[in-house]
Amino acid sequence: MKLLSKHSHEQQIAVLQQLLVNAANAERAAGAKAYMKNHFEFLGIPMPERRRNCKEWIRSLSIVDEQHLVVLVENLWKLNEREYQYGAIELLAFHKKLWSKNTIDLMEQCIVSKSWWDTVDFIAAEWCGPYFQVFPDLINKRTAAWNRSENIWLQRSSLLFQKSYKKATDLKLLSKYIEHLANSKEFFIRKAIGWVLREYAKTDAVWVQDFVNTHTLSPLSEREALKHVGK
């Protein structure tokens, strides 16, 4: 196995830092920070430009193995500005062919670190959903632990990882996870319940309507779930 030195990893990350710093905008950064309730620092780069720069950087890299990939993601996650976490998510998503069963450990680490809806929802869509399609034997064990954890972001991920599965959605599992969290007082959990039901309604609106009719959900969850049903 070819091992890259710490210096090599730092050089590769420095290239992305230069690309993004050159595109930074202090006024936009202040607005983005305020929008995220002052939880994170930002460089202030419009999403299309940030994604274009990240894509250019990702395609320029020579990733030698999963270990190399994990180190880059972990180091990007440590940087202060939020754009680097977004870049890390795009980097890992780009290299799905390098994922192993153990990649879920990195995914979980990122869900619970610097957690907020922006990264968690991106991870659920770009990482967790595709990961569990490749390793379906780990769905029950891993996502059940998330659903029953005390961490709301793991709980939210247990609800959202199937959001794009459409007809492949495990309805028994989804129902079980929603039922367990239906009484949660957390806004982000109530919103996620409604969101995942709203998405599945695009596949089977009758099932969603019936689920809402036969379960006690928060007004927020119910409103979100039925947002487009019957329209």
Protein backbone atom coordinates (compact mmCIF):
# COMPACT_ATOMS: atom_id res chain seq x y z
CA MET A 1 0.00 0.00 0.00
CA LYS A 2 1.35 3.42 -0.90
CA LEU A 3 1.32 5.77 2.07
CA LEU A 4 1.28 9.52 1.62
CA SER A 5 3.08 11.68 4.11
CA LYS A 6 1.33 14.17 6.33
CA HIS A 7 3.05 16.84 4.27
CA SER A 8 1.43 15.52 1.09
CA HIS A 9 -2.03 15.65 2.65
CA GLU A 10 -1.40 19.18 3.85
CA GLN A 11 -0.27 20.23 0.37
CA GLN A 12 -3.41 18.84 -1.22
CA ILE A 13 -5.66 20.63 1.26
CA ALA A 14 -3.65 23.84 0.83
CA VAL A 15 -4.57 23.82 -2.86
CA LEU A 16 -8.29 23.82 -2.02
CA GLN A 17 -7.77 26.47 0.63
CA GLN A 18 -6.12 28.73 -1.94
CA LEU A 19 -8.96 28.21 -4.41
CA LEU A 20 -11.64 29.02 -1.84
CA VAL A 21 -9.85 31.89 -0.12
CA ASN A 22 -9.43 33.55 -3.51
CA ALA A 23 -13.21 33.38 -3.94
CA ALA A 24 -14.05 34.57 -0.41
CA ASN A 25 -16.38 37.49 0.22
CA ALA A 26 -16.51 39.01 3.71
CA GLU A 27 -20.00 40.46 3.30
CA ARG A 28 -21.44 37.16 2.13
CA ALA A 29 -19.57 35.38 4.92
CA ALA A 30 -21.23 37.56 7.54
CA GLY A 31 -24.65 36.88 6.04
CA ALA A 32 -24.07 33.14 5.90
CA LYS A 33 -22.86 33.09 9.50
CA ALA A 34 -25.96 34.94 10.66
CA TYR A 35 -28.21 32.59 8.66
CA MET A 36 -26.60 29.64 10.46
CA LYS A 37 -27.30 31.24 13.85
CA ASN A 38 -23.61 32.14 14.28
CA HIS A 39 -22.67 28.48 14.77
CA PHE A 40 -19.95 28.51 12.10
CA GLU A 41 -17.50 30.70 10.27
CA PHE A 42 -17.80 31.08 6.50
CA LEU A 43 -15.65 32.26 3.62
CA GLY A 44 -18.75 33.63 1.91
CA ILE A 45 -18.71 31.87 -1.47
CA PRO A 46 -21.90 31.42 -3.54
CA MET A 47 -22.77 27.73 -3.77
CA PRO A 48 -22.29 27.38 -7.56
CA GLU A 49 -18.82 28.91 -7.36
CA ARG A 50 -17.87 26.91 -4.28
CA ARG A 51 -18.99 23.66 -5.91
CA ARG A 52 -17.16 24.51 -9.12
CA ASN A 53 -13.92 25.11 -7.21
CA CYS A 54 -14.35 21.96 -5.13
CA LYS A 55 -15.06 19.89 -8.23
CA GLU A 56 -11.94 21.25 -9.92
CA TRP A 57 -9.87 20.36 -6.86
CA ILE A 58 -11.39 16.90 -6.42
CA ARG A 59 -10.75 15.97 -10.05
CA SER A 60 -7.14 17.12 -9.76
CA LEU A 61 -6.38 14.75 -6.89
CA SER A 62 -4.80 11.33 -7.15
CA ILE A 63 -6.48 9.41 -4.34
CA VAL A 64 -4.46 6.26 -3.75
CA ASP A 65 -6.75 4.37 -1.35
CA GLU A 66 -9.52 4.74 1.23
CA GLN A 67 -7.05 5.65 3.97
CA HIS A 68 -5.88 8.61 1.93
CA LEU A 69 -9.49 9.65 1.33
CA VAL A 70 -10.40 9.40 5.03
CA VAL A 71 -7.42 11.50 6.11
CA LEU A 72 -8.37 14.27 3.68
CA VAL A 73 -11.99 14.27 4.87
CA GLU A 74 -10.97 14.28 8.53
CA ASN A 75 -8.59 17.17 8.02
CA LEU A 76 -11.08 19.22 6.05
CA TRP A 77 -13.59 18.66 8.85
CA LYS A 78 -11.18 20.26 11.32
CA LEU A 79 -10.97 23.55 9.42
CA ASN A 80 -13.00 26.47 10.73
CA GLU A 81 -14.90 27.66 7.70
CA ARG A 82 -18.01 25.72 6.74
CA GLU A 83 -17.14 25.54 3.06
CA TYR A 84 -14.43 23.01 3.89
CA GLN A 85 -16.96 20.63 5.44
CA TYR A 86 -19.08 20.96 2.29
CA GLY A 87 -15.99 20.17 0.22
CA ALA A 88 -15.26 17.12 2.37
CA ILE A 89 -18.78 15.81 1.75
CA GLU A 90 -18.39 16.24 -2.00
CA LEU A 91 -14.95 14.60 -1.90
CA LEU A 92 -16.13 11.42 -0.17
CA ALA A 93 -19.26 11.25 -2.33
CA PHE A 94 -17.13 11.46 -5.48
CA HIS A 95 -15.08 8.43 -4.46
CA LYS A 96 -17.83 5.91 -3.70
CA LYS A 97 -15.79 3.18 -5.35
CA LEU A 98 -13.26 3.42 -2.51
CA TRP A 99 -15.85 2.98 0.23
CA SER A 100 -15.66 -0.08 2.46
CA LYS A 101 -17.95 -1.27 5.22
CA ASN A 102 -15.80 0.71 7.65
CA THR A 103 -16.52 3.99 5.86
CA ILE A 104 -19.70 4.27 7.93
CA ASP A 105 -17.52 5.05 10.95
CA LEU A 106 -16.24 8.20 9.23
CA MET A 107 -19.78 9.12 8.17
CA GLU A 108 -21.05 8.82 11.73
CA GLN A 109 -18.09 10.82 13.03
CA CYS A 110 -18.98 13.66 10.67
CA ILE A 111 -22.69 13.52 11.55
CA VAL A 112 -21.94 14.12 15.24
CA SER A 113 -19.11 16.64 14.74
CA LYS A 114 -19.84 20.31 13.92
CA SER A 115 -23.45 19.18 13.56
CA TRP A 116 -26.19 21.26 12.00
CA TRP A 117 -28.88 20.60 9.45
CA ASP A 118 -26.77 21.72 6.48
CA THR A 119 -24.05 19.08 6.81
CA VAL A 120 -26.28 16.36 8.30
CA ASP A 121 -28.83 16.56 5.49
CA PHE A 122 -26.06 16.64 2.88
CA ILE A 123 -24.46 13.57 4.52
CA ALA A 124 -27.77 11.71 4.63
CA ALA A 125 -28.32 12.32 0.91
CA GLU A 126 -24.78 12.05 -0.47
CA TRP A 127 -23.27 9.48 1.87
CA CYS A 128 -25.69 7.45 3.97
CA GLY A 129 -28.31 6.77 1.32
CA PRO A 130 -25.79 5.44 -1.25
CA TYR A 131 -23.73 3.66 1.44
CA PHE A 132 -26.64 1.56 2.70
CA GLN A 133 -27.57 0.63 -0.86
CA VAL A 134 -24.08 -0.86 -1.24
CA PHE A 135 -24.05 -2.43 2.23
CA PRO A 136 -27.72 -3.19 2.99
CA ASP A 137 -26.79 -5.80 5.60
CA LEU A 138 -25.70 -2.97 7.90
CA ILE A 139 -28.91 -0.94 7.68
CA ASN A 140 -30.78 -2.45 10.61
CA LYS A 141 -27.89 -2.57 13.05
CA ARG A 142 -26.49 0.88 12.35
CA THR A 143 -29.60 2.95 11.75
CA ALA A 144 -31.47 1.36 14.66
CA ALA A 145 -28.66 2.54 16.95
CA TRP A 146 -28.96 6.02 15.44
CA ASN A 147 -32.70 6.09 15.85
CA ARG A 148 -32.46 5.17 19.53
CA SER A 149 -29.47 7.35 20.36
CA GLU A 150 -29.70 10.57 22.35
CA ASN A 151 -28.09 12.53 19.52
CA ILE A 152 -30.73 14.34 17.45
CA TRP A 153 -28.51 14.40 14.36
CA LEU A 154 -28.11 10.63 14.38
CA GLN A 155 -31.86 10.39 14.92
CA ARG A 156 -32.46 12.71 11.97
CA SER A 157 -30.09 10.65 9.82
CA SER A 158 -32.00 7.46 10.65
CA LEU A 159 -35.08 9.11 9.17
CA LEU A 160 -33.52 10.77 6.15
CA PHE A 161 -31.14 8.15 4.74
CA GLN A 162 -34.03 6.62 2.75
CA LYS A 163 -35.33 9.96 1.50
CA SER A 164 -34.39 9.28 -2.14
CA TYR A 165 -35.15 5.55 -2.18
CA LYS A 166 -38.65 5.94 -3.64
CA LYS A 167 -40.09 2.45 -4.37
CA ALA A 168 -37.09 0.84 -2.67
CA THR A 169 -38.01 2.46 0.67
CA ASP A 170 -38.30 -0.02 3.53
CA LEU A 171 -41.69 1.15 4.79
CA LYS A 172 -41.69 -1.14 7.80
CA LEU A 173 -38.39 0.31 8.95
CA LEU A 174 -39.41 3.89 8.18
CA SER A 175 -42.65 3.44 10.12
CA LYS A 176 -40.81 1.99 13.09
CA TYR A 177 -38.32 4.86 13.18
CA ILE A 178 -41.00 7.53 12.85
CA GLU A 179 -43.12 5.91 15.56
CA HIS A 180 -40.17 5.88 17.95
CA LEU A 181 -39.49 9.59 17.42
CA ALA A 182 -43.03 10.86 16.86
CA ASN A 183 -43.23 12.39 20.34
CA SER A 184 -39.92 14.21 20.07
CA LYS A 185 -40.05 17.89 20.98
CA GLU A 186 -37.05 18.64 18.76
CA PHE A 187 -37.86 20.84 15.78
CA PHE A 188 -35.29 19.10 13.58
CA ILE A 189 -36.80 15.69 14.28
CA ARG A 190 -40.39 16.80 13.72
CA LYS A 191 -39.31 18.49 10.50
CA ALA A 192 -37.43 15.38 9.32
CA ILE A 193 -40.46 13.15 9.92
CA GLY A 194 -42.60 15.42 7.79
CA TRP A 195 -39.92 15.83 5.16
CA VAL A 196 -39.29 12.12 4.61
CA LEU A 197 -43.04 11.45 4.42
CA ARG A 198 -43.49 14.33 2.00
CA GLU A 199 -40.79 12.88 -0.25
CA TYR A 200 -42.29 9.40 -0.14
CA ALA A 201 -45.69 10.87 -0.98
CA LYS A 202 -44.27 11.54 -4.45
CA THR A 203 -44.08 7.75 -4.81
CA ASP A 204 -47.20 6.71 -2.88
CA ALA A 205 -49.41 9.52 -1.62
CA VAL A 206 -52.11 7.07 -0.50
CA TRP A 207 -49.70 5.30 1.85
CA VAL A 208 -48.57 8.61 3.36
CA GLN A 209 -52.13 9.83 3.83
CA ASP A 210 -53.04 6.58 5.52
CA PHE A 211 -49.96 6.74 7.74
CA VAL A 212 -50.82 10.26 8.86
CA ASN A 213 -54.44 9.26 9.49
CA THR A 214 -53.43 6.32 11.71
CA HIS A 215 -50.59 7.94 13.68
CA THR A 216 -50.36 10.85 16.07
CA LEU A 217 -47.78 13.23 14.66
CA SER A 218 -46.86 16.77 15.60
CA PRO A 219 -48.68 19.48 13.63
CA LEU A 220 -45.36 20.35 11.95
CA SER A 221 -44.72 16.76 10.85
CA GLU A 222 -48.27 16.33 9.59
CA ARG A 223 -48.27 19.63 7.75
CA GLU A 224 -44.99 18.81 6.01
CA ALA A 225 -46.06 15.25 5.19
CA LEU A 226 -49.26 16.34 3.45
CA LYS A 227 -47.87 19.47 1.85
CA HIS A 228 -48.44 18.25 -1.69
CA VAL A 229 -50.89 15.40 -1.12
CA GLY A 230 -54.12 15.93 -3.03
CA LYS A 231 -52.79 18.91 -4.96
